[in-house]
Each structure stands twice: as C-alpha cells, then as structure tokens.
Amino acid sequence: MLILECPCCGVMAEETELAPGGEAHLKRFGAGSSDEDFETYMFARKNPKGVHFERWRHAYGCGKWFLAARCTATLEVFGTYPAQTTEPPAELVEKIKAKRPDWKGWK
C-alpha cells in the first residue's frame, strides 16, 4: 500500500485516505490559448516508469493538496512537499539523484 506524509498536517496517510490529482508541475492553458496548447494541457501526460511527480489531496484528513515524488515501478516514495511549490525542493531532487544516479531530472 502507498503511504504518503501530508506536508500540511504531518499525518502519514494510506492511499485510501488520499485522492490522486494527476501529474504535478503542469503549465496550465485555458481560455485564449491556442488549440494545440489547450489540447496538450488536457490530454498529454507523462506516464514514466520510474520517478514521477504527482498531485495528491488528503481527502479524509485536512483536505489540502500537496505534491509527491515517487517511483511508479516500485512505489518508493522519495518525499512530499506543499502544492504551492513551483518545482521540487532541491533537497528532494538530491535525495532522488543519490538513490537513482541515472535519473535525468524532473523536467
């Protein structure tokens, strides 16, 4: 079972307490954008085998959104951080690189 720590309330929550929100750090496009940009935003998502950054909501807890870095192949969780963050914290990136030297980065 996937267990993530909510950085907002500090609770270690099982995935049954959480709601997934898809890929993190997307550039959002809406009204006034080109059809191609909007289509990419709506439908084009990364689906890597390996390290992935995702949005999660502590649905049966504090109700707040947060971001998590985890491996989609092993379910290893590298860490969580607040949803208002525009990119993963440097210490989290270093932690991932230490465990996965061949990792290409988050972008």
PDB file of N, CA and C in Angstrom:
ATOM      1  N   MET A   1       0.845  -1.177   0.000  1.00  0.00           N
ATOM      2  CA  MET A   1       0.000   0.000   0.000  1.00  0.00           C
ATOM      3  C   MET A   1       0.892   1.242   0.000  1.00  0.00           C
ATOM      4  N   LEU A   2       0.467   2.242  -0.730  1.00  0.00           N
ATOM      5  CA  LEU A   2       1.172   3.508  -0.810  1.00  0.00           C
ATOM      6  C   LEU A   2       0.858   4.343   0.431  1.00  0.00           C
ATOM      7  N   ILE A   3       1.904   4.827   1.087  1.00  0.00           N
ATOM      8  CA  ILE A   3       1.738   5.680   2.269  1.00  0.00           C
ATOM      9  C   ILE A   3       2.515   6.969   2.024  1.00  0.00           C
ATOM     10  N   LEU A   4       1.805   8.090   2.108  1.00  0.00           N
ATOM     11  CA  LEU A   4       2.408   9.404   1.895  1.00  0.00           C
ATOM     12  C   LEU A   4       2.228  10.265   3.135  1.00  0.00           C
ATOM     13  N   GLU A   5       3.224  11.100   3.431  1.00  0.00           N
ATOM     14  CA  GLU A   5       3.100  12.039   4.542  1.00  0.00           C
ATOM     15  C   GLU A   5       2.538  13.347   4.009  1.00  0.00           C
ATOM     16  N   CYS A   6       1.435  13.777   4.571  1.00  0.00           N
ATOM     17  CA  CYS A   6       0.845  15.057   4.188  1.00  0.00           C
ATOM     18  C   CYS A   6       1.709  16.167   4.777  1.00  0.00           C
ATOM     19  N   PRO A   7       2.332  17.018   3.931  1.00  0.00           N
ATOM     20  CA  PRO A   7       3.176  18.083   4.475  1.00  0.00           C
ATOM     21  C   PRO A   7       2.375  19.200   5.147  1.00  0.00           C
ATOM     22  N   CYS A   8       1.076  19.209   4.943  1.00  0.00           N
ATOM     23  CA  CYS A   8       0.238  20.262   5.534  1.00  0.00           C
ATOM     24  C   CYS A   8      -0.106  19.960   6.990  1.00  0.00           C
ATOM     25  N   CYS A   9      -0.449  18.688   7.283  1.00  0.00           N
ATOM     26  CA  CYS A   9      -0.842  18.340   8.650  1.00  0.00           C
ATOM     27  C   CYS A   9       0.115  17.345   9.312  1.00  0.00           C
ATOM     28  N   GLY A  10       1.070  16.797   8.542  1.00  0.00           N
ATOM     29  CA  GLY A  10       2.071  15.896   9.103  1.00  0.00           C
ATOM     30  C   GLY A  10       1.622  14.469   9.315  1.00  0.00           C
ATOM     31  N   VAL A  11       0.429  14.103   8.856  1.00  0.00           N
ATOM     32  CA  VAL A  11      -0.100  12.758   9.039  1.00  0.00           C
ATOM     33  C   VAL A  11       0.453  11.821   7.964  1.00  0.00           C
ATOM     34  N   MET A  12       0.856  10.618   8.377  1.00  0.00           N
ATOM     35  CA  MET A  12       1.232   9.567   7.436  1.00  0.00           C
ATOM     36  C   MET A  12      -0.072   8.909   6.990  1.00  0.00           C
ATOM     37  N   ALA A  13      -0.468   9.133   5.743  1.00  0.00           N
ATOM     38  CA  ALA A  13      -1.776   8.691   5.261  1.00  0.00           C
ATOM     39  C   ALA A  13      -1.641   7.569   4.243  1.00  0.00           C
ATOM     40  N   GLU A  14      -2.484   6.543   4.403  1.00  0.00           N
ATOM     41  CA  GLU A  14      -2.559   5.475   3.410  1.00  0.00           C
ATOM     42  C   GLU A  14      -3.292   6.007   2.190  1.00  0.00           C
ATOM     43  N   GLU A  15      -3.074   5.363   1.049  1.00  0.00           N
ATOM     44  CA  GLU A  15      -3.674   5.852  -0.192  1.00  0.00           C
ATOM     45  C   GLU A  15      -5.198   5.870  -0.144  1.00  0.00           C
ATOM     46  N   THR A  16      -5.813   5.095   0.750  1.00  0.00           N
ATOM     47  CA  THR A  16      -7.262   5.115   0.870  1.00  0.00           C
ATOM     48  C   THR A  16      -7.784   6.418   1.472  1.00  0.00           C
ATOM     49  N   GLU A  17      -6.904   7.180   2.136  1.00  0.00           N
ATOM     50  CA  GLU A  17      -7.267   8.481   2.701  1.00  0.00           C
ATOM     51  C   GLU A  17      -7.004   9.621   1.725  1.00  0.00           C
ATOM     52  N   LEU A  18      -6.400   9.302   0.594  1.00  0.00           N
ATOM     53  CA  LEU A  18      -5.942  10.309  -0.352  1.00  0.00           C
ATOM     54  C   LEU A  18      -6.707  10.222  -1.664  1.00  0.00           C
ATOM     55  N   ALA A  19      -6.702  11.313  -2.408  1.00  0.00           N
ATOM     56  CA  ALA A  19      -7.287  11.337  -3.748  1.00  0.00           C
ATOM     57  C   ALA A  19      -6.206  11.783  -4.723  1.00  0.00           C
ATOM     58  N   PRO A  20      -5.938  10.997  -5.772  1.00  0.00           N
ATOM     59  CA  PRO A  20      -4.910  11.386  -6.727  1.00  0.00           C
ATOM     60  C   PRO A  20      -5.373  12.550  -7.594  1.00  0.00           C
ATOM     61  N   GLY A  21      -4.430  13.385  -7.988  1.00  0.00           N
ATOM     62  CA  GLY A  21      -4.773  14.552  -8.799  1.00  0.00           C
ATOM     63  C   GLY A  21      -3.985  14.645 -10.087  1.00  0.00           C
ATOM     64  N   GLY A  22      -3.261  13.595 -10.446  1.00  0.00           N
ATOM     65  CA  GLY A  22      -2.531  13.597 -11.713  1.00  0.00           C
ATOM     66  C   GLY A  22      -1.134  14.178 -11.597  1.00  0.00           C
ATOM     67  N   GLU A  23      -0.578  14.465 -12.745  1.00  0.00           N
ATOM     68  CA  GLU A  23       0.791  14.933 -12.856  1.00  0.00           C
ATOM     69  C   GLU A  23       0.967  16.320 -12.226  1.00  0.00           C
ATOM     70  N   ALA A  24       2.066  16.507 -11.557  1.00  0.00           N
ATOM     71  CA  ALA A  24       2.377  17.801 -10.924  1.00  0.00           C
ATOM     72  C   ALA A  24       3.178  18.686 -11.875  1.00  0.00           C
ATOM     73  N   HIS A  25       3.231  19.959 -11.568  1.00  0.00           N
ATOM     74  CA  HIS A  25       4.052  20.944 -12.265  1.00  0.00           C
ATOM     75  C   HIS A  25       3.686  21.107 -13.739  1.00  0.00           C
ATOM     76  N   LEU A  26       2.392  21.053 -14.044  1.00  0.00           N
ATOM     77  CA  LEU A  26       1.948  21.283 -15.415  1.00  0.00           C
ATOM     78  C   LEU A  26       1.759  22.772 -15.662  1.00  0.00           C
ATOM     79  N   LYS A  27       2.078  23.210 -16.863  1.00  0.00           N
ATOM     80  CA  LYS A  27       1.745  24.579 -17.249  1.00  0.00           C
ATOM     81  C   LYS A  27       0.315  24.533 -17.758  1.00  0.00           C
ATOM     82  N   ARG A  28      -0.551  25.271 -17.098  1.00  0.00           N
ATOM     83  CA  ARG A  28      -1.963  25.218 -17.432  1.00  0.00           C
ATOM     84  C   ARG A  28      -2.322  26.217 -18.522  1.00  0.00           C
ATOM     85  N   PHE A  29      -3.182  25.775 -19.439  1.00  0.00           N
ATOM     86  CA  PHE A  29      -3.682  26.622 -20.512  1.00  0.00           C
ATOM     87  C   PHE A  29      -5.196  26.610 -20.458  1.00  0.00           C
ATOM     88  N   GLY A  30      -5.792  27.747 -20.682  1.00  0.00           N
ATOM     89  CA  GLY A  30      -7.247  27.843 -20.650  1.00  0.00           C
ATOM     90  C   GLY A  30      -7.745  28.752 -21.745  1.00  0.00           C
ATOM     91  N   ALA A  31      -8.746  29.540 -21.427  1.00  0.00           N
ATOM     92  CA  ALA A  31      -9.346  30.446 -22.402  1.00  0.00           C
ATOM     93  C   ALA A  31      -8.294  31.376 -23.003  1.00  0.00           C
ATOM     94  N   GLY A  32      -8.361  31.543 -24.311  1.00  0.00           N
ATOM     95  CA  GLY A  32      -7.426  32.420 -25.000  1.00  0.00           C
ATOM     96  C   GLY A  32      -6.163  31.728 -25.472  1.00  0.00           C
ATOM     97  N   SER A  33      -5.964  30.483 -25.119  1.00  0.00           N
ATOM     98  CA  SER A  33      -4.771  29.767 -25.569  1.00  0.00           C
ATOM     99  C   SER A  33      -5.044  29.127 -26.929  1.00  0.00           C
ATOM    100  N   SER A  34      -3.986  28.700 -27.579  1.00  0.00           N
ATOM    101  CA  SER A  34      -4.157  28.039 -28.876  1.00  0.00           C
ATOM    102  C   SER A  34      -4.772  26.661 -28.658  1.00  0.00           C
ATOM    103  N   ASP A  35      -5.388  26.139 -29.692  1.00  0.00           N
ATOM    104  CA  ASP A  35      -5.995  24.803 -29.611  1.00  0.00           C
ATOM    105  C   ASP A  35      -4.940  23.750 -29.275  1.00  0.00           C
ATOM    106  N   GLU A  36      -3.736  23.896 -29.842  1.00  0.00           N
ATOM    107  CA  GLU A  36      -2.663  22.922 -29.592  1.00  0.00           C
ATOM    108  C   GLU A  36      -2.211  22.957 -28.138  1.00  0.00           C
ATOM    109  N   ASP A  37      -2.057  24.163 -27.585  1.00  0.00           N
ATOM    110  CA  ASP A  37      -1.647  24.289 -26.182  1.00  0.00           C
ATOM    111  C   ASP A  37      -2.700  23.708 -25.246  1.00  0.00           C
ATOM    112  N   PHE A  38      -3.964  24.013 -25.520  1.00  0.00           N
ATOM    113  CA  PHE A  38      -5.041  23.506 -24.670  1.00  0.00           C
ATOM    114  C   PHE A  38      -5.142  21.984 -24.771  1.00  0.00           C
ATOM    115  N   GLU A  39      -5.021  21.453 -25.987  1.00  0.00           N
ATOM    116  CA  GLU A  39      -5.071  20.003 -26.169  1.00  0.00           C
ATOM    117  C   GLU A  39      -3.932  19.316 -25.421  1.00  0.00           C
ATOM    118  N   THR A  40      -2.729  19.886 -25.501  1.00  0.00           N
ATOM    119  CA  THR A  40      -1.582  19.316 -24.793  1.00  0.00           C
ATOM    120  C   THR A  40      -1.820  19.332 -23.288  1.00  0.00           C
ATOM    121  N   TYR A  41      -2.325  20.455 -22.771  1.00  0.00           N
ATOM    122  CA  TYR A  41      -2.612  20.558 -21.341  1.00  0.00           C
ATOM    123  C   TYR A  41      -3.663  19.535 -20.908  1.00  0.00           C
ATOM    124  N   MET A  42      -4.706  19.377 -21.699  1.00  0.00           N
ATOM    125  CA  MET A  42      -5.808  18.489 -21.308  1.00  0.00           C
ATOM    126  C   MET A  42      -5.466  17.007 -21.420  1.00  0.00           C
ATOM    127  N   PHE A  43      -4.736  16.630 -22.473  1.00  0.00           N
ATOM    128  CA  PHE A  43      -4.624  15.212 -22.788  1.00  0.00           C
ATOM    129  C   PHE A  43      -3.221  14.622 -22.772  1.00  0.00           C
ATOM    130  N   ALA A  44      -2.189  15.411 -22.908  1.00  0.00           N
ATOM    131  CA  ALA A  44      -0.827  14.872 -22.968  1.00  0.00           C
ATOM    132  C   ALA A  44      -0.233  14.826 -21.572  1.00  0.00           C
ATOM    133  N   ARG A  45      -0.025  13.626 -21.063  1.00  0.00           N
ATOM    134  CA  ARG A  45       0.560  13.450 -19.732  1.00  0.00           C
ATOM    135  C   ARG A  45       1.727  12.475 -19.815  1.00  0.00           C
ATOM    136  N   LYS A  46       2.692  12.715 -18.960  1.00  0.00           N
ATOM    137  CA  LYS A  46       3.799  11.771 -18.861  1.00  0.00           C
ATOM    138  C   LYS A  46       3.292  10.538 -18.123  1.00  0.00           C
ATOM    139  N   ASN A  47       3.806   9.409 -18.498  1.00  0.00           N
ATOM    140  CA  ASN A  47       3.472   8.168 -17.813  1.00  0.00           C
ATOM    141  C   ASN A  47       4.758   7.354 -17.683  1.00  0.00           C
ATOM    142  N   PRO A  48       5.707   7.877 -16.918  1.00  0.00           N
ATOM    143  CA  PRO A  48       7.021   7.240 -16.884  1.00  0.00           C
ATOM    144  C   PRO A  48       7.053   5.985 -16.023  1.00  0.00           C
ATOM    145  N   LYS A  49       7.972   5.137 -16.371  1.00  0.00           N
ATOM    146  CA  LYS A  49       8.305   4.034 -15.480  1.00  0.00           C
ATOM    147  C   LYS A  49       9.525   4.534 -14.718  1.00  0.00           C
ATOM    148  N   GLY A  50       9.321   4.905 -13.481  1.00  0.00           N
ATOM    149  CA  GLY A  50      10.395   5.486 -12.683  1.00  0.00           C
ATOM    150  C   GLY A  50       9.882   6.658 -11.879  1.00  0.00           C
ATOM    151  N   VAL A  51      10.747   7.624 -11.634  1.00  0.00           N
ATOM    152  CA  VAL A  51      10.414   8.763 -10.783  1.00  0.00           C
ATOM    153  C   VAL A  51       9.369   9.642 -11.465  1.00  0.00           C
ATOM    154  N   HIS A  52       8.345   9.994 -10.707  1.00  0.00           N
ATOM    155  CA  HIS A  52       7.233  10.791 -11.218  1.00  0.00           C
ATOM    156  C   HIS A  52       6.769  11.744 -10.124  1.00  0.00           C
ATOM    157  N   PHE A  53       6.367  12.944 -10.515  1.00  0.00           N
ATOM    158  CA  PHE A  53       5.868  13.942  -9.573  1.00  0.00           C
ATOM    159  C   PHE A  53       4.360  14.053  -9.754  1.00  0.00           C
ATOM    160  N   GLU A  54       3.633  13.912  -8.650  1.00  0.00           N
ATOM    161  CA  GLU A  54       2.175  13.838  -8.712  1.00  0.00           C
ATOM    162  C   GLU A  54       1.529  14.770  -7.704  1.00  0.00           C
ATOM    163  N   ARG A  55       0.261  15.084  -7.979  1.00  0.00           N
ATOM    164  CA  ARG A  55      -0.575  15.860  -7.050  1.00  0.00           C
ATOM    165  C   ARG A  55      -1.433  14.885  -6.259  1.00  0.00           C
ATOM    166  N   TRP A  56      -1.585  15.156  -4.978  1.00  0.00           N
ATOM    167  CA  TRP A  56      -2.437  14.345  -4.116  1.00  0.00           C
ATOM    168  C   TRP A  56      -3.238  15.275  -3.204  1.00  0.00           C
ATOM    169  N   ARG A  57      -4.409  14.811  -2.807  1.00  0.00           N
ATOM    170  CA  ARG A  57      -5.235  15.565  -1.860  1.00  0.00           C
ATOM    171  C   ARG A  57      -5.497  14.682  -0.650  1.00  0.00           C
ATOM    172  N   HIS A  58      -5.308  15.226   0.534  1.00  0.00           N
ATOM    173  CA  HIS A  58      -5.572  14.490   1.773  1.00  0.00           C
ATOM    174  C   HIS A  58      -7.082  14.549   2.021  1.00  0.00           C
ATOM    175  N   ALA A  59      -7.817  13.782   1.237  1.00  0.00           N
ATOM    176  CA  ALA A  59      -9.285  13.865   1.175  1.00  0.00           C
ATOM    177  C   ALA A  59      -9.962  13.555   2.504  1.00  0.00           C
ATOM    178  N   TYR A  60      -9.479  12.540   3.231  1.00  0.00           N
ATOM    179  CA  TYR A  60     -10.106  12.159   4.505  1.00  0.00           C
ATOM    180  C   TYR A  60      -9.280  12.632   5.694  1.00  0.00           C
ATOM    181  N   GLY A  61      -8.626  13.745   5.505  1.00  0.00           N
ATOM    182  CA  GLY A  61      -7.820  14.352   6.562  1.00  0.00           C
ATOM    183  C   GLY A  61      -8.029  15.850   6.526  1.00  0.00           C
ATOM    184  N   CYS A  62      -6.940  16.582   6.305  1.00  0.00           N
ATOM    185  CA  CYS A  62      -7.025  18.050   6.312  1.00  0.00           C
ATOM    186  C   CYS A  62      -7.655  18.620   5.043  1.00  0.00           C
ATOM    187  N   GLY A  63      -7.768  17.808   3.989  1.00  0.00           N
ATOM    188  CA  GLY A  63      -8.406  18.249   2.751  1.00  0.00           C
ATOM    189  C   GLY A  63      -7.512  19.054   1.826  1.00  0.00           C
ATOM    190  N   LYS A  64      -6.246  19.245   2.178  1.00  0.00           N
ATOM    191  CA  LYS A  64      -5.348  20.081   1.380  1.00  0.00           C
ATOM    192  C   LYS A  64      -4.627  19.280   0.302  1.00  0.00           C
ATOM    193  N   TRP A  65      -4.252  19.998  -0.767  1.00  0.00           N
ATOM    194  CA  TRP A  65      -3.473  19.415  -1.856  1.00  0.00           C
ATOM    195  C   TRP A  65      -1.989  19.485  -1.524  1.00  0.00           C
ATOM    196  N   PHE A  66      -1.235  18.495  -1.989  1.00  0.00           N
ATOM    197  CA  PHE A  66       0.216  18.504  -1.863  1.00  0.00           C
ATOM    198  C   PHE A  66       0.813  17.739  -3.032  1.00  0.00           C
ATOM    199  N   LEU A  67       2.119  17.788  -3.167  1.00  0.00           N
ATOM    200  CA  LEU A  67       2.816  17.113  -4.257  1.00  0.00           C
ATOM    201  C   LEU A  67       3.714  16.027  -3.682  1.00  0.00           C
ATOM    202  N   ALA A  68       3.915  14.989  -4.483  1.00  0.00           N
ATOM    203  CA  ALA A  68       4.740  13.860  -4.044  1.00  0.00           C
ATOM    204  C   ALA A  68       5.644  13.397  -5.175  1.00  0.00           C
ATOM    205  N   ALA A  69       6.820  12.934  -4.822  1.00  0.00           N
ATOM    206  CA  ALA A  69       7.745  12.314  -5.766  1.00  0.00           C
ATOM    207  C   ALA A  69       7.816  10.845  -5.406  1.00  0.00           C
ATOM    208  N   ARG A  70       7.522   9.994  -6.382  1.00  0.00           N
ATOM    209  CA  ARG A  70       7.583   8.560  -6.117  1.00  0.00           C
ATOM    210  C   ARG A  70       7.977   7.818  -7.378  1.00  0.00           C
ATOM    211  N   CYS A  71       8.360   6.580  -7.214  1.00  0.00           N
ATOM    212  CA  CYS A  71       8.712   5.709  -8.332  1.00  0.00           C
ATOM    213  C   CYS A  71       7.470   4.919  -8.716  1.00  0.00           C
ATOM    214  N   THR A  72       7.080   4.999  -9.977  1.00  0.00           N
ATOM    215  CA  THR A  72       5.883   4.289 -10.425  1.00  0.00           C
ATOM    216  C   THR A  72       6.110   2.786 -10.552  1.00  0.00           C
ATOM    217  N   ALA A  73       7.360   2.361 -10.630  1.00  0.00           N
ATOM    218  CA  ALA A  73       7.655   0.934 -10.763  1.00  0.00           C
ATOM    219  C   ALA A  73       7.694   0.217  -9.411  1.00  0.00           C
ATOM    220  N   THR A  74       8.225   0.899  -8.384  1.00  0.00           N
ATOM    221  CA  THR A  74       8.417   0.253  -7.087  1.00  0.00           C
ATOM    222  C   THR A  74       7.531   0.823  -5.979  1.00  0.00           C
ATOM    223  N   LEU A  75       6.841   1.931  -6.248  1.00  0.00           N
ATOM    224  CA  LEU A  75       6.033   2.667  -5.277  1.00  0.00           C
ATOM    225  C   LEU A  75       6.867   3.302  -4.170  1.00  0.00           C
ATOM    226  N   GLU A  76       8.184   3.367  -4.346  1.00  0.00           N
ATOM    227  CA  GLU A  76       9.042   4.042  -3.369  1.00  0.00           C
ATOM    228  C   GLU A  76       8.706   5.527  -3.363  1.00  0.00           C
ATOM    229  N   VAL A  77       8.472   6.067  -2.189  1.00  0.00           N
ATOM    230  CA  VAL A  77       8.162   7.489  -2.035  1.00  0.00           C
ATOM    231  C   VAL A  77       9.439   8.216  -1.624  1.00  0.00           C
ATOM    232  N   PHE A  78       9.813   9.217  -2.407  1.00  0.00           N
ATOM    233  CA  PHE A  78      11.016   9.991  -2.106  1.00  0.00           C
ATOM    234  C   PHE A  78      10.715  11.165  -1.190  1.00  0.00           C
ATOM    235  N   GLY A  79       9.490  11.668  -1.251  1.00  0.00           N
ATOM    236  CA  GLY A  79       9.118  12.772  -0.380  1.00  0.00           C
ATOM    237  C   GLY A  79       7.877  13.492  -0.865  1.00  0.00           C
ATOM    238  N   THR A  80       7.364  14.350  -0.004  1.00  0.00           N
ATOM    239  CA  THR A  80       6.199  15.173  -0.326  1.00  0.00           C
ATOM    240  C   THR A  80       6.521  16.625  -0.003  1.00  0.00           C
ATOM    241  N   TYR A  81       5.787  17.535  -0.605  1.00  0.00           N
ATOM    242  CA  TYR A  81       6.009  18.961  -0.389  1.00  0.00           C
ATOM    243  C   TYR A  81       4.742  19.731  -0.737  1.00  0.00           C
ATOM    244  N   PRO A  82       4.626  20.992  -0.296  1.00  0.00           N
ATOM    245  CA  PRO A  82       3.394  21.754  -0.493  1.00  0.00           C
ATOM    246  C   PRO A  82       3.041  21.965  -1.971  1.00  0.00           C
ATOM    247  N   ALA A  83       1.765  22.037  -2.264  1.00  0.00           N
ATOM    248  CA  ALA A  83       1.277  22.194  -3.632  1.00  0.00           C
ATOM    249  C   ALA A  83       1.629  23.541  -4.237  1.00  0.00           C
ATOM    250  N   GLN A  84       1.885  24.539  -3.413  1.00  0.00           N
ATOM    251  CA  GLN A  84       2.188  25.870  -3.923  1.00  0.00           C
ATOM    252  C   GLN A  84       3.612  25.982  -4.470  1.00  0.00           C
ATOM    253  N   THR A  85       4.395  24.939  -4.363  1.00  0.00           N
ATOM    254  CA  THR A  85       5.777  24.925  -4.819  1.00  0.00           C
ATOM    255  C   THR A  85       5.817  24.781  -6.338  1.00  0.00           C
ATOM    256  N   THR A  86       6.575  25.632  -7.019  1.00  0.00           N
ATOM    257  CA  THR A  86       6.618  25.600  -8.478  1.00  0.00           C
ATOM    258  C   THR A  86       7.569  24.553  -9.038  1.00  0.00           C
ATOM    259  N   GLU A  87       8.479  24.075  -8.224  1.00  0.00           N
ATOM    260  CA  GLU A  87       9.368  22.995  -8.639  1.00  0.00           C
ATOM    261  C   GLU A  87       9.778  22.210  -7.398  1.00  0.00           C
ATOM    262  N   PRO A  88      10.215  20.966  -7.592  1.00  0.00           N
ATOM    263  CA  PRO A  88      10.583  20.157  -6.423  1.00  0.00           C
ATOM    264  C   PRO A  88      11.702  20.812  -5.622  1.00  0.00           C
ATOM    265  N   PRO A  89      11.651  20.706  -4.295  1.00  0.00           N
ATOM    266  CA  PRO A  89      12.720  21.261  -3.452  1.00  0.00           C
ATOM    267  C   PRO A  89      14.075  20.624  -3.793  1.00  0.00           C
ATOM    268  N   ALA A  90      15.129  21.425  -3.703  1.00  0.00           N
ATOM    269  CA  ALA A  90      16.478  20.962  -4.056  1.00  0.00           C
ATOM    270  C   ALA A  90      16.886  19.731  -3.251  1.00  0.00           C
ATOM    271  N   GLU A  91      16.542  19.697  -1.960  1.00  0.00           N
ATOM    272  CA  GLU A  91      16.936  18.532  -1.144  1.00  0.00           C
ATOM    273  C   GLU A  91      16.230  17.255  -1.594  1.00  0.00           C
ATOM    274  N   LEU A  92      15.020  17.373  -2.113  1.00  0.00           N
ATOM    275  CA  LEU A  92      14.304  16.208  -2.632  1.00  0.00           C
ATOM    276  C   LEU A  92      14.943  15.726  -3.932  1.00  0.00           C
ATOM    277  N   VAL A  93      15.317  16.657  -4.793  1.00  0.00           N
ATOM    278  CA  VAL A  93      15.993  16.308  -6.049  1.00  0.00           C
ATOM    279  C   VAL A  93      17.314  15.610  -5.749  1.00  0.00           C
ATOM    280  N   GLU A  94      18.058  16.109  -4.774  1.00  0.00           N
ATOM    281  CA  GLU A  94      19.333  15.479  -4.397  1.00  0.00           C
ATOM    282  C   GLU A  94      19.113  14.078  -3.824  1.00  0.00           C
ATOM    283  N   LYS A  95      18.049  13.908  -3.053  1.00  0.00           N
ATOM    284  CA  LYS A  95      17.723  12.591  -2.491  1.00  0.00           C
ATOM    285  C   LYS A  95      17.429  11.592  -3.601  1.00  0.00           C
ATOM    286  N   ILE A  96      16.700  12.036  -4.613  1.00  0.00           N
ATOM    287  CA  ILE A  96      16.382  11.155  -5.751  1.00  0.00           C
ATOM    288  C   ILE A  96      17.655  10.816  -6.515  1.00  0.00           C
ATOM    289  N   LYS A  97      18.497  11.819  -6.787  1.00  0.00           N
ATOM    290  CA  LYS A  97      19.741  11.584  -7.524  1.00  0.00           C
ATOM    291  C   LYS A  97      20.676  10.642  -6.772  1.00  0.00           C
ATOM    292  N   ALA A  98      20.674  10.724  -5.440  1.00  0.00           N
ATOM    293  CA  ALA A  98      21.527   9.838  -4.642  1.00  0.00           C
ATOM    294  C   ALA A  98      21.093   8.380  -4.780  1.00  0.00           C
ATOM    295  N   LYS A  99      19.778   8.154  -4.872  1.00  0.00           N
ATOM    296  CA  LYS A  99      19.273   6.789  -4.994  1.00  0.00           C
ATOM    297  C   LYS A  99      19.201   6.312  -6.445  1.00  0.00           C
ATOM    298  N   ARG A 100      19.047   7.256  -7.370  1.00  0.00           N
ATOM    299  CA  ARG A 100      18.922   6.938  -8.797  1.00  0.00           C
ATOM    300  C   ARG A 100      19.915   7.783  -9.598  1.00  0.00           C
ATOM    301  N   PRO A 101      21.196   7.413  -9.617  1.00  0.00           N
ATOM    302  CA  PRO A 101      22.214   8.225 -10.295  1.00  0.00           C
ATOM    303  C   PRO A 101      21.941   8.436 -11.789  1.00  0.00           C
ATOM    304  N   ASP A 102      21.207   7.538 -12.416  1.00  0.00           N
ATOM    305  CA  ASP A 102      20.926   7.651 -13.850  1.00  0.00           C
ATOM    306  C   ASP A 102      19.692   8.504 -14.152  1.00  0.00           C
ATOM    307  N   TRP A 103      19.043   9.037 -13.107  1.00  0.00           N
ATOM    308  CA  TRP A 103      17.839   9.854 -13.292  1.00  0.00           C
ATOM    309  C   TRP A 103      18.200  11.129 -14.037  1.00  0.00           C
ATOM    310  N   LYS A 104      17.379  11.489 -15.027  1.00  0.00           N
ATOM    311  CA  LYS A 104      17.680  12.627 -15.905  1.00  0.00           C
ATOM    312  C   LYS A 104      17.190  13.968 -15.351  1.00  0.00           C
ATOM    313  N   GLY A 105      16.358  13.966 -14.367  1.00  0.00           N
ATOM    314  CA  GLY A 105      15.846  15.222 -13.814  1.00  0.00           C
ATOM    315  C   GLY A 105      14.332  15.275 -13.889  1.00  0.00           C
ATOM    316  N   TRP A 106      13.772  16.316 -13.349  1.00  0.00           N
ATOM    317  CA  TRP A 106      12.331  16.375 -13.219  1.00  0.00           C
ATOM    318  C   TRP A 106      11.633  17.045 -14.392  1.00  0.00           C
ATOM    319  N   LYS A 107      12.303  17.750 -15.235  1.00  0.00           N
ATOM    320  CA  LYS A 107      11.631  18.429 -16.365  1.00  0.00           C
ATOM    321  C   LYS A 107      11.574  17.572 -17.578  1.00  0.00           C
TER     322      LYS A 107
END
